[in-house]
PDB file of N, CA and C in Angstrom:
ATOM      1  N   MET A   1       0.817  -1.189   0.000  1.00  0.00           N
ATOM      2  CA  MET A   1       0.000   0.000   0.000  1.00  0.00           C
ATOM      3  C   MET A   1       0.866   1.261   0.000  1.00  0.00           C
ATOM      4  N   GLU A   2       2.116   1.159   0.481  1.00  0.00           N
ATOM      5  CA  GLU A   2       2.965   2.340   0.568  1.00  0.00           C
ATOM      6  C   GLU A   2       3.398   2.849  -0.791  1.00  0.00           C
ATOM      7  N   ASP A   3       3.510   1.951  -1.776  1.00  0.00           N
ATOM      8  CA  ASP A   3       3.992   2.382  -3.077  1.00  0.00           C
ATOM      9  C   ASP A   3       2.875   2.857  -4.014  1.00  0.00           C
ATOM     10  N   LEU A   4       1.659   2.970  -3.516  1.00  0.00           N
ATOM     11  CA  LEU A   4       0.567   3.469  -4.341  1.00  0.00           C
ATOM     12  C   LEU A   4       0.716   4.966  -4.577  1.00  0.00           C
ATOM     13  N   ILE A   5       0.437   5.363  -5.827  1.00  0.00           N
ATOM     14  CA  ILE A   5       0.489   6.767  -6.216  1.00  0.00           C
ATOM     15  C   ILE A   5      -0.905   7.158  -6.676  1.00  0.00           C
ATOM     16  N   GLU A   6      -1.422   8.236  -6.150  1.00  0.00           N
ATOM     17  CA  GLU A   6      -2.724   8.697  -6.595  1.00  0.00           C
ATOM     18  C   GLU A   6      -2.614   9.120  -8.057  1.00  0.00           C
ATOM     19  N   LEU A   7      -3.608   8.775  -8.853  1.00  0.00           N
ATOM     20  CA  LEU A   7      -3.572   9.038 -10.288  1.00  0.00           C
ATOM     21  C   LEU A   7      -3.411  10.527 -10.593  1.00  0.00           C
ATOM     22  N   THR A   8      -3.923  11.382  -9.717  1.00  0.00           N
ATOM     23  CA  THR A   8      -3.770  12.824  -9.940  1.00  0.00           C
ATOM     24  C   THR A   8      -2.318  13.275  -9.794  1.00  0.00           C
ATOM     25  N   GLU A   9      -1.480  12.454  -9.163  1.00  0.00           N
ATOM     26  CA  GLU A   9      -0.068  12.787  -8.977  1.00  0.00           C
ATOM     27  C   GLU A   9       0.817  12.292 -10.124  1.00  0.00           C
ATOM     28  N   VAL A  10       0.286  11.420 -10.958  1.00  0.00           N
ATOM     29  CA  VAL A  10       1.071  10.830 -12.046  1.00  0.00           C
ATOM     30  C   VAL A  10       1.636  11.885 -12.996  1.00  0.00           C
ATOM     31  N   PRO A  11       0.872  12.904 -13.426  1.00  0.00           N
ATOM     32  CA  PRO A  11       1.456  13.888 -14.348  1.00  0.00           C
ATOM     33  C   PRO A  11       2.719  14.554 -13.814  1.00  0.00           C
ATOM     34  N   LYS A  12       2.828  14.725 -12.529  1.00  0.00           N
ATOM     35  CA  LYS A  12       4.017  15.353 -11.939  1.00  0.00           C
ATOM     36  C   LYS A  12       5.247  14.454 -12.042  1.00  0.00           C
ATOM     37  N   LEU A  13       5.029  13.156 -12.205  1.00  0.00           N
ATOM     38  CA  LEU A  13       6.140  12.203 -12.275  1.00  0.00           C
ATOM     39  C   LEU A  13       6.670  12.009 -13.684  1.00  0.00           C
ATOM     40  N   LEU A  14       5.914  12.464 -14.675  1.00  0.00           N
ATOM     41  CA  LEU A  14       6.288  12.226 -16.067  1.00  0.00           C
ATOM     42  C   LEU A  14       6.968  13.455 -16.656  1.00  0.00           C
ATOM     43  N   PRO A  15       7.928  13.238 -17.553  1.00  0.00           N
ATOM     44  CA  PRO A  15       8.694  14.360 -18.096  1.00  0.00           C
ATOM     45  C   PRO A  15       7.873  15.333 -18.944  1.00  0.00           C
ATOM     46  N   HIS A  16       6.885  14.852 -19.660  1.00  0.00           N
ATOM     47  CA  HIS A  16       6.120  15.749 -20.532  1.00  0.00           C
ATOM     48  C   HIS A  16       4.892  16.333 -19.845  1.00  0.00           C
ATOM     49  N   ARG A  17       4.653  15.994 -18.588  1.00  0.00           N
ATOM     50  CA  ARG A  17       3.579  16.546 -17.757  1.00  0.00           C
ATOM     51  C   ARG A  17       2.210  16.575 -18.445  1.00  0.00           C
ATOM     52  N   PRO A  18       1.658  15.410 -18.759  1.00  0.00           N
ATOM     53  CA  PRO A  18       0.312  15.415 -19.334  1.00  0.00           C
ATOM     54  C   PRO A  18      -0.693  15.854 -18.283  1.00  0.00           C
ATOM     55  N   SER A  19      -1.849  16.278 -18.737  1.00  0.00           N
ATOM     56  CA  SER A  19      -2.889  16.632 -17.776  1.00  0.00           C
ATOM     57  C   SER A  19      -3.540  15.347 -17.253  1.00  0.00           C
ATOM     58  N   TYR A  20      -4.432  15.486 -16.296  1.00  0.00           N
ATOM     59  CA  TYR A  20      -5.051  14.317 -15.675  1.00  0.00           C
ATOM     60  C   TYR A  20      -5.940  13.517 -16.639  1.00  0.00           C
ATOM     61  N   PRO A  21      -6.773  14.146 -17.487  1.00  0.00           N
ATOM     62  CA  PRO A  21      -7.661  13.347 -18.356  1.00  0.00           C
ATOM     63  C   PRO A  21      -6.960  12.294 -19.217  1.00  0.00           C
ATOM     64  N   PRO A  22      -5.830  12.603 -19.866  1.00  0.00           N
ATOM     65  CA  PRO A  22      -5.169  11.528 -20.624  1.00  0.00           C
ATOM     66  C   PRO A  22      -4.693  10.376 -19.733  1.00  0.00           C
ATOM     67  N   VAL A  23      -4.198  10.700 -18.559  1.00  0.00           N
ATOM     68  CA  VAL A  23      -3.740   9.652 -17.641  1.00  0.00           C
ATOM     69  C   VAL A  23      -4.921   8.762 -17.261  1.00  0.00           C
ATOM     70  N   PHE A  24      -6.052   9.357 -17.003  1.00  0.00           N
ATOM     71  CA  PHE A  24      -7.248   8.585 -16.658  1.00  0.00           C
ATOM     72  C   PHE A  24      -7.699   7.723 -17.843  1.00  0.00           C
ATOM     73  N   ARG A  25      -7.581   8.252 -19.075  1.00  0.00           N
ATOM     74  CA  ARG A  25      -7.921   7.463 -20.273  1.00  0.00           C
ATOM     75  C   ARG A  25      -6.980   6.279 -20.434  1.00  0.00           C
ATOM     76  N   TRP A  26      -5.701   6.459 -20.039  1.00  0.00           N
ATOM     77  CA  TRP A  26      -4.751   5.344 -20.114  1.00  0.00           C
ATOM     78  C   TRP A  26      -5.232   4.184 -19.261  1.00  0.00           C
ATOM     79  N   VAL A  27      -5.897   4.496 -18.164  1.00  0.00           N
ATOM     80  CA  VAL A  27      -6.421   3.455 -17.271  1.00  0.00           C
ATOM     81  C   VAL A  27      -7.673   2.827 -17.880  1.00  0.00           C
ATOM     82  N   LEU A  28      -8.593   3.664 -18.353  1.00  0.00           N
ATOM     83  CA  LEU A  28      -9.883   3.154 -18.832  1.00  0.00           C
ATOM     84  C   LEU A  28      -9.807   2.482 -20.196  1.00  0.00           C
ATOM     85  N   THR A  29      -9.182   3.145 -21.171  1.00  0.00           N
ATOM     86  CA  THR A  29      -9.192   2.605 -22.535  1.00  0.00           C
ATOM     87  C   THR A  29      -7.813   2.213 -23.039  1.00  0.00           C
ATOM     88  N   GLY A  30      -6.765   2.837 -22.492  1.00  0.00           N
ATOM     89  CA  GLY A  30      -5.408   2.501 -22.907  1.00  0.00           C
ATOM     90  C   GLY A  30      -5.010   3.143 -24.213  1.00  0.00           C
ATOM     91  N   ILE A  31      -3.841   2.748 -24.680  1.00  0.00           N
ATOM     92  CA  ILE A  31      -3.298   3.214 -25.957  1.00  0.00           C
ATOM     93  C   ILE A  31      -2.899   1.978 -26.742  1.00  0.00           C
ATOM     94  N   GLY A  32      -3.499   1.792 -27.899  1.00  0.00           N
ATOM     95  CA  GLY A  32      -3.143   0.649 -28.736  1.00  0.00           C
ATOM     96  C   GLY A  32      -3.303  -0.690 -28.056  1.00  0.00           C
ATOM     97  N   GLY A  33      -4.297  -0.814 -27.181  1.00  0.00           N
ATOM     98  CA  GLY A  33      -4.548  -2.069 -26.493  1.00  0.00           C
ATOM     99  C   GLY A  33      -3.769  -2.244 -25.201  1.00  0.00           C
ATOM    100  N   THR A  34      -2.937  -1.279 -24.855  1.00  0.00           N
ATOM    101  CA  THR A  34      -2.161  -1.340 -23.613  1.00  0.00           C
ATOM    102  C   THR A  34      -2.762  -0.365 -22.615  1.00  0.00           C
ATOM    103  N   ARG A  35      -3.108  -0.871 -21.447  1.00  0.00           N
ATOM    104  CA  ARG A  35      -3.711  -0.028 -20.415  1.00  0.00           C
ATOM    105  C   ARG A  35      -2.770   0.120 -19.228  1.00  0.00           C
ATOM    106  N   LEU A  36      -2.880   1.281 -18.586  1.00  0.00           N
ATOM    107  CA  LEU A  36      -2.123   1.523 -17.356  1.00  0.00           C
ATOM    108  C   LEU A  36      -2.840   0.813 -16.223  1.00  0.00           C
ATOM    109  N   GLU A  37      -2.119  -0.030 -15.518  1.00  0.00           N
ATOM    110  CA  GLU A  37      -2.696  -0.776 -14.412  1.00  0.00           C
ATOM    111  C   GLU A  37      -2.981   0.178 -13.248  1.00  0.00           C
ATOM    112  N   ALA A  38      -4.193   0.144 -12.736  1.00  0.00           N
ATOM    113  CA  ALA A  38      -4.593   1.019 -11.635  1.00  0.00           C
ATOM    114  C   ALA A  38      -5.689   0.333 -10.835  1.00  0.00           C
ATOM    115  N   VAL A  39      -5.923   0.841  -9.639  1.00  0.00           N
ATOM    116  CA  VAL A  39      -6.951   0.299  -8.767  1.00  0.00           C
ATOM    117  C   VAL A  39      -7.745   1.474  -8.203  1.00  0.00           C
ATOM    118  N   ARG A  40      -9.030   1.236  -8.009  1.00  0.00           N
ATOM    119  CA  ARG A  40      -9.879   2.275  -7.446  1.00  0.00           C
ATOM    120  C   ARG A  40     -10.206   1.914  -6.007  1.00  0.00           C
ATOM    121  N   MET A  41      -9.980   2.866  -5.131  1.00  0.00           N
ATOM    122  CA  MET A  41     -10.343   2.699  -3.726  1.00  0.00           C
ATOM    123  C   MET A  41     -11.212   3.887  -3.349  1.00  0.00           C
ATOM    124  N   GLY A  42     -12.468   3.589  -3.109  1.00  0.00           N
ATOM    125  CA  GLY A  42     -13.409   4.675  -2.831  1.00  0.00           C
ATOM    126  C   GLY A  42     -13.605   5.516  -4.077  1.00  0.00           C
ATOM    127  N   ARG A  43     -13.364   6.801  -3.968  1.00  0.00           N
ATOM    128  CA  ARG A  43     -13.539   7.708  -5.097  1.00  0.00           C
ATOM    129  C   ARG A  43     -12.221   8.013  -5.803  1.00  0.00           C
ATOM    130  N   ARG A  44     -11.130   7.426  -5.362  1.00  0.00           N
ATOM    131  CA  ARG A  44      -9.817   7.764  -5.906  1.00  0.00           C
ATOM    132  C   ARG A  44      -9.190   6.567  -6.630  1.00  0.00           C
ATOM    133  N   TRP A  45      -8.393   6.901  -7.642  1.00  0.00           N
ATOM    134  CA  TRP A  45      -7.671   5.905  -8.408  1.00  0.00           C
ATOM    135  C   TRP A  45      -6.199   5.957  -8.028  1.00  0.00           C
ATOM    136  N   TYR A  46      -5.570   4.777  -7.993  1.00  0.00           N
ATOM    137  CA  TYR A  46      -4.164   4.675  -7.628  1.00  0.00           C
ATOM    138  C   TYR A  46      -3.438   3.761  -8.615  1.00  0.00           C
ATOM    139  N   THR A  47      -2.154   4.020  -8.800  1.00  0.00           N
ATOM    140  CA  THR A  47      -1.289   3.168  -9.597  1.00  0.00           C
ATOM    141  C   THR A  47       0.052   3.070  -8.871  1.00  0.00           C
ATOM    142  N   THR A  48       1.029   2.429  -9.483  1.00  0.00           N
ATOM    143  CA  THR A  48       2.359   2.303  -8.876  1.00  0.00           C
ATOM    144  C   THR A  48       3.421   2.719  -9.890  1.00  0.00           C
ATOM    145  N   ARG A  49       4.610   2.969  -9.399  1.00  0.00           N
ATOM    146  CA  ARG A  49       5.729   3.294 -10.298  1.00  0.00           C
ATOM    147  C   ARG A  49       6.037   2.099 -11.207  1.00  0.00           C
ATOM    148  N   THR A  50       5.884   0.909 -10.675  1.00  0.00           N
ATOM    149  CA  THR A  50       6.110  -0.296 -11.483  1.00  0.00           C
ATOM    150  C   THR A  50       5.119  -0.368 -12.632  1.00  0.00           C
ATOM    151  N   ALA A  51       3.853  -0.059 -12.354  1.00  0.00           N
ATOM    152  CA  ALA A  51       2.832  -0.071 -13.408  1.00  0.00           C
ATOM    153  C   ALA A  51       3.136   0.988 -14.461  1.00  0.00           C
ATOM    154  N   LEU A  52       3.574   2.173 -14.027  1.00  0.00           N
ATOM    155  CA  LEU A  52       3.947   3.235 -14.971  1.00  0.00           C
ATOM    156  C   LEU A  52       5.129   2.799 -15.835  1.00  0.00           C
ATOM    157  N   ASP A  53       6.100   2.158 -15.221  1.00  0.00           N
ATOM    158  CA  ASP A  53       7.268   1.685 -15.949  1.00  0.00           C
ATOM    159  C   ASP A  53       6.879   0.623 -16.977  1.00  0.00           C
ATOM    160  N   THR A  54       6.060  -0.323 -16.567  1.00  0.00           N
ATOM    161  CA  THR A  54       5.599  -1.377 -17.487  1.00  0.00           C
ATOM    162  C   THR A  54       4.807  -0.778 -18.642  1.00  0.00           C
ATOM    163  N   PHE A  55       3.912   0.148 -18.332  1.00  0.00           N
ATOM    164  CA  PHE A  55       3.094   0.817 -19.348  1.00  0.00           C
ATOM    165  C   PHE A  55       3.980   1.536 -20.361  1.00  0.00           C
ATOM    166  N   SER A  56       4.937   2.320 -19.885  1.00  0.00           N
ATOM    167  CA  SER A  56       5.781   3.088 -20.804  1.00  0.00           C
ATOM    168  C   SER A  56       6.698   2.179 -21.619  1.00  0.00           C
ATOM    169  N   ARG A  57       7.224   1.130 -21.009  1.00  0.00           N
ATOM    170  CA  ARG A  57       8.085   0.202 -21.764  1.00  0.00           C
ATOM    171  C   ARG A  57       7.301  -0.545 -22.842  1.00  0.00           C
ATOM    172  N   THR A  58       6.075  -0.934 -22.534  1.00  0.00           N
ATOM    173  CA  THR A  58       5.242  -1.625 -23.519  1.00  0.00           C
ATOM    174  C   THR A  58       4.923  -0.707 -24.689  1.00  0.00           C
ATOM    175  N   LEU A  59       4.578   0.542 -24.396  1.00  0.00           N
ATOM    176  CA  LEU A  59       4.295   1.502 -25.475  1.00  0.00           C
ATOM    177  C   LEU A  59       5.535   1.752 -26.323  1.00  0.00           C
ATOM    178  N   ALA A  60       6.688   1.854 -25.693  1.00  0.00           N
ATOM    179  CA  ALA A  60       7.935   2.060 -26.434  1.00  0.00           C
ATOM    180  C   ALA A  60       8.221   0.873 -27.347  1.00  0.00           C
ATOM    181  N   ALA A  61       8.007  -0.333 -26.848  1.00  0.00           N
ATOM    182  CA  ALA A  61       8.238  -1.532 -27.663  1.00  0.00           C
ATOM    183  C   ALA A  61       7.282  -1.574 -28.845  1.00  0.00           C
ATOM    184  N   GLN A  62       6.023  -1.192 -28.636  1.00  0.00           N
ATOM    185  CA  GLN A  62       5.057  -1.157 -29.734  1.00  0.00           C
ATOM    186  C   GLN A  62       5.466  -0.139 -30.783  1.00  0.00           C
ATOM    187  N   THR A  63       5.959   1.012 -30.343  1.00  0.00           N
ATOM    188  CA  THR A  63       6.393   2.045 -31.284  1.00  0.00           C
ATOM    189  C   THR A  63       7.589   1.570 -32.090  1.00  0.00           C
ATOM    190  N   ILE A  64       8.540   0.950 -31.441  1.00  0.00           N
ATOM    191  CA  ILE A  64       9.719   0.433 -32.148  1.00  0.00           C
ATOM    192  C   ILE A  64       9.300  -0.611 -33.172  1.00  0.00           C
ATOM    193  N   GLU A  65       8.379  -1.479 -32.797  1.00  0.00           N
ATOM    194  CA  GLU A  65       7.905  -2.525 -33.717  1.00  0.00           C
ATOM    195  C   GLU A  65       7.202  -1.908 -34.926  1.00  0.00           C
ATOM    196  N   ARG A  66       6.407  -0.861 -34.687  1.00  0.00           N
ATOM    197  CA  ARG A  66       5.703  -0.186 -35.788  1.00  0.00           C
ATOM    198  C   ARG A  66       6.675   0.508 -36.727  1.00  0.00           C
ATOM    199  N   LEU A  67       7.768   1.035 -36.196  1.00  0.00           N
ATOM    200  CA  LEU A  67       8.726   1.778 -37.009  1.00  0.00           C
ATOM    201  C   LEU A  67       9.750   0.887 -37.699  1.00  0.00           C
ATOM    202  N   ARG A  68       9.839  -0.374 -37.284  1.00  0.00           N
ATOM    203  CA  ARG A  68      10.812  -1.288 -37.882  1.00  0.00           C
ATOM    204  C   ARG A  68      10.440  -1.526 -39.349  1.00  0.00           C
ATOM    205  N   PRO A  69      11.403  -1.369 -40.250  1.00  0.00           N
ATOM    206  CA  PRO A  69      11.083  -1.575 -41.662  1.00  0.00           C
ATOM    207  C   PRO A  69      10.726  -3.032 -41.933  1.00  0.00           C
ATOM    208  N   PRO A  70       9.816  -3.262 -42.862  1.00  0.00           N
ATOM    209  CA  PRO A  70       9.443  -4.644 -43.167  1.00  0.00           C
ATOM    210  C   PRO A  70      10.620  -5.379 -43.801  1.00  0.00           C
ATOM    211  N   THR A  71      10.689  -6.654 -43.545  1.00  0.00           N
ATOM    212  CA  THR A  71      11.778  -7.455 -44.104  1.00  0.00           C
ATOM    213  C   THR A  71      11.395  -7.904 -45.502  1.00  0.00           C
ATOM    214  N   MET A  72      12.388  -8.028 -46.336  1.00  0.00           N
ATOM    215  CA  MET A  72      12.158  -8.483 -47.703  1.00  0.00           C
ATOM    216  C   MET A  72      11.956 -10.000 -47.684  1.00  0.00           C
ATOM    217  N   PRO A  73      11.007 -10.493 -48.474  1.00  0.00           N
ATOM    218  CA  PRO A  73      10.796 -11.940 -48.500  1.00  0.00           C
ATOM    219  C   PRO A  73      11.985 -12.653 -49.131  1.00  0.00           C
ATOM    220  N   THR A  74      12.308 -13.794 -48.608  1.00  0.00           N
ATOM    221  CA  THR A  74      13.384 -14.591 -49.186  1.00  0.00           C
ATOM    222  C   THR A  74      12.775 -15.536 -50.209  1.00  0.00           C
ATOM    223  N   THR A  75      13.621 -16.159 -50.986  1.00  0.00           N
ATOM    224  CA  THR A  75      13.118 -17.081 -51.999  1.00  0.00           C
ATOM    225  C   THR A  75      12.459 -18.294 -51.358  1.00  0.00           C
ATOM    226  N   LYS A  76      12.834 -18.601 -50.103  1.00  0.00           N
ATOM    227  CA  LYS A  76      12.213 -19.732 -49.424  1.00  0.00           C
ATOM    228  C   LYS A  76      10.790 -19.400 -48.988  1.00  0.00           C
ATOM    229  N   THR A  77      10.537 -18.147 -48.600  1.00  0.00           N
ATOM    230  CA  THR A  77       9.209 -17.800 -48.108  1.00  0.00           C
ATOM    231  C   THR A  77       8.245 -17.433 -49.228  1.00  0.00           C
ATOM    232  N   LYS A  78       8.762 -16.876 -50.316  1.00  0.00           N
ATOM    233  CA  LYS A  78       7.885 -16.476 -51.411  1.00  0.00           C
ATOM    234  C   LYS A  78       8.644 -16.674 -52.707  1.00  0.00           C
ATOM    235  N   SER A  79       8.045 -17.423 -53.608  1.00  0.00           N
ATOM    236  CA  SER A  79       8.732 -17.659 -54.872  1.00  0.00           C
ATOM    237  C   SER A  79       8.671 -16.399 -55.726  1.00  0.00           C
ATOM    238  N   MET A  80       9.769 -16.079 -56.347  1.00  0.00           N
ATOM    239  CA  MET A  80       9.843 -14.900 -57.194  1.00  0.00           C
ATOM    240  C   MET A  80       9.266 -15.248 -58.560  1.00  0.00           C
ATOM    241  N   ARG A  81       8.635 -14.268 -59.193  1.00  0.00           N
ATOM    242  CA  ARG A  81       8.057 -14.469 -60.508  1.00  0.00           C
ATOM    243  C   ARG A  81       9.187 -14.513 -61.535  1.00  0.00           C
ATOM    244  N   THR A  82       9.220 -15.562 -62.340  1.00  0.00           N
ATOM    245  CA  THR A  82      10.247 -15.666 -63.366  1.00  0.00           C
ATOM    246  C   THR A  82       9.923 -14.705 -64.497  1.00  0.00           C
ATOM    247  N   GLU A  83      10.920 -14.446 -65.317  1.00  0.00           N
ATOM    248  CA  GLU A  83      10.746 -13.537 -66.453  1.00  0.00           C
ATOM    249  C   GLU A  83       9.690 -14.079 -67.416  1.00  0.00           C
ATOM    250  N   GLU A  84       9.687 -15.405 -67.641  1.00  0.00           N
ATOM    251  CA  GLU A  84       8.701 -16.004 -68.546  1.00  0.00           C
ATOM    252  C   GLU A  84       7.285 -15.842 -67.986  1.00  0.00           C
ATOM    253  N   LYS A  85       7.131 -16.050 -66.670  1.00  0.00           N
ATOM    254  CA  LYS A  85       5.817 -15.917 -66.032  1.00  0.00           C
ATOM    255  C   LYS A  85       5.345 -14.464 -66.094  1.00  0.00           C
ATOM    256  N   LEU A  86       6.263 -13.527 -65.898  1.00  0.00           N
ATOM    257  CA  LEU A  86       5.920 -12.114 -65.971  1.00  0.00           C
ATOM    258  C   LEU A  86       5.433 -11.757 -67.372  1.00  0.00           C
ATOM    259  N   GLN A  87       6.150 -12.207 -68.401  1.00  0.00           N
ATOM    260  CA  GLN A  87       5.743 -11.926 -69.791  1.00  0.00           C
ATOM    261  C   GLN A  87       4.396 -12.559 -70.099  1.00  0.00           C
ATOM    262  N   SER A  88       4.185 -13.771 -69.622  1.00  0.00           N
ATOM    263  CA  SER A  88       2.914 -14.463 -69.831  1.00  0.00           C
ATOM    264  C   SER A  88       1.773 -13.685 -69.185  1.00  0.00           C
ATOM    265  N   ASP A  89       1.973 -13.213 -67.959  1.00  0.00           N
ATOM    266  CA  ASP A  89       0.937 -12.442 -67.261  1.00  0.00           C
ATOM    267  C   ASP A  89       0.657 -11.124 -67.963  1.00  0.00           C
ATOM    268  N   LEU A  90       1.710 -10.462 -68.453  1.00  0.00           N
ATOM    269  CA  LEU A  90       1.522  -9.197 -69.162  1.00  0.00           C
ATOM    270  C   LEU A  90       0.771  -9.397 -70.471  1.00  0.00           C
ATOM    271  N   THR A  91       1.085 -10.458 -71.191  1.00  0.00           N
ATOM    272  CA  THR A  91       0.403 -10.753 -72.449  1.00  0.00           C
ATOM    273  C   THR A  91      -1.074 -11.036 -72.196  1.00  0.00           C
ATOM    274  N   ARG A  92      -1.380 -11.844 -71.190  1.00  0.00           N
ATOM    275  CA  ARG A  92      -2.768 -12.158 -70.849  1.00  0.00           C
ATOM    276  C   ARG A  92      -3.532 -10.897 -70.431  1.00  0.00           C
ATOM    277  N   ALA A  93      -2.913 -10.046 -69.658  1.00  0.00           N
ATOM    278  CA  ALA A  93      -3.561  -8.805 -69.224  1.00  0.00           C
ATOM    279  C   ALA A  93      -3.841  -7.901 -70.414  1.00  0.00           C
ATOM    280  N   GLN A  94      -2.900  -7.834 -71.361  1.00  0.00           N
ATOM    281  CA  GLN A  94      -3.099  -6.992 -72.549  1.00  0.00           C
ATOM    282  C   GLN A  94      -4.241  -7.535 -73.402  1.00  0.00           C
ATOM    283  N   ARG A  95      -4.346  -8.871 -73.538  1.00  0.00           N
ATOM    284  CA  ARG A  95      -5.449  -9.467 -74.307  1.00  0.00           C
ATOM    285  C   ARG A  95      -6.785  -9.130 -73.662  1.00  0.00           C
ATOM    286  N   GLU A  96      -6.855  -9.226 -72.339  1.00  0.00           N
ATOM    287  CA  GLU A  96      -8.104  -8.901 -71.647  1.00  0.00           C
ATOM    288  C   GLU A  96      -8.445  -7.419 -71.782  1.00  0.00           C
ATOM    289  N   PHE A  97      -7.442  -6.566 -71.791  1.00  0.00           N
ATOM    290  CA  PHE A  97      -7.663  -5.128 -71.930  1.00  0.00           C
ATOM    291  C   PHE A  97      -8.169  -4.786 -73.325  1.00  0.00           C
ATOM    292  N   ASP A  98      -7.614  -5.466 -74.353  1.00  0.00           N
ATOM    293  CA  ASP A  98      -7.979  -5.192 -75.738  1.00  0.00           C
ATOM    294  C   ASP A  98      -9.315  -5.806 -76.136  1.00  0.00           C
ATOM    295  N   ARG A  99      -9.814  -6.768 -75.376  1.00  0.00           N
ATOM    296  CA  ARG A  99     -11.057  -7.440 -75.695  1.00  0.00           C
ATOM    297  C   ARG A  99     -12.219  -6.441 -75.595  1.00  0.00           C
ATOM    298  N   PRO A 100     -13.127  -6.453 -76.578  1.00  0.00           N
ATOM    299  CA  PRO A 100     -14.259  -5.504 -76.510  1.00  0.00           C
ATOM    300  C   PRO A 100     -15.175  -5.825 -75.345  1.00  0.00           C
ATOM    301  N   ALA A 101     -15.781  -4.785 -74.797  1.00  0.00           N
ATOM    302  CA  ALA A 101     -16.699  -4.956 -73.659  1.00  0.00           C
ATOM    303  C   ALA A 101     -17.971  -5.611 -74.131  1.00  0.00           C
ATOM    304  N   ARG A 102     -18.616  -6.367 -73.271  1.00  0.00           N
ATOM    305  CA  ARG A 102     -19.851  -7.060 -73.639  1.00  0.00           C
ATOM    306  C   ARG A 102     -21.047  -6.208 -73.366  1.00  0.00           C
TER     307      ARG A 102
END
């Protein structure tokens, strides 16, 4: 119980000093499926430094994953189109394009 932090005090602990409503939304709805762990006692909400740390680390990991460039497929995972197959597909597409509409 000693390490509980009242939710209204959380903005003072963070470097960018968000207002209280976003912090409360982090508890209720979260960000990208990640919610800040908190408990309600009476009319007040409480969290812990550990919960804040876990929340921020999870969000950071999600951001890094989103920013990571996609990997190129290897020949084992996806077969590359051969030059003959490409020409065949282009010829078929041109025939369909040139065909009169019905």
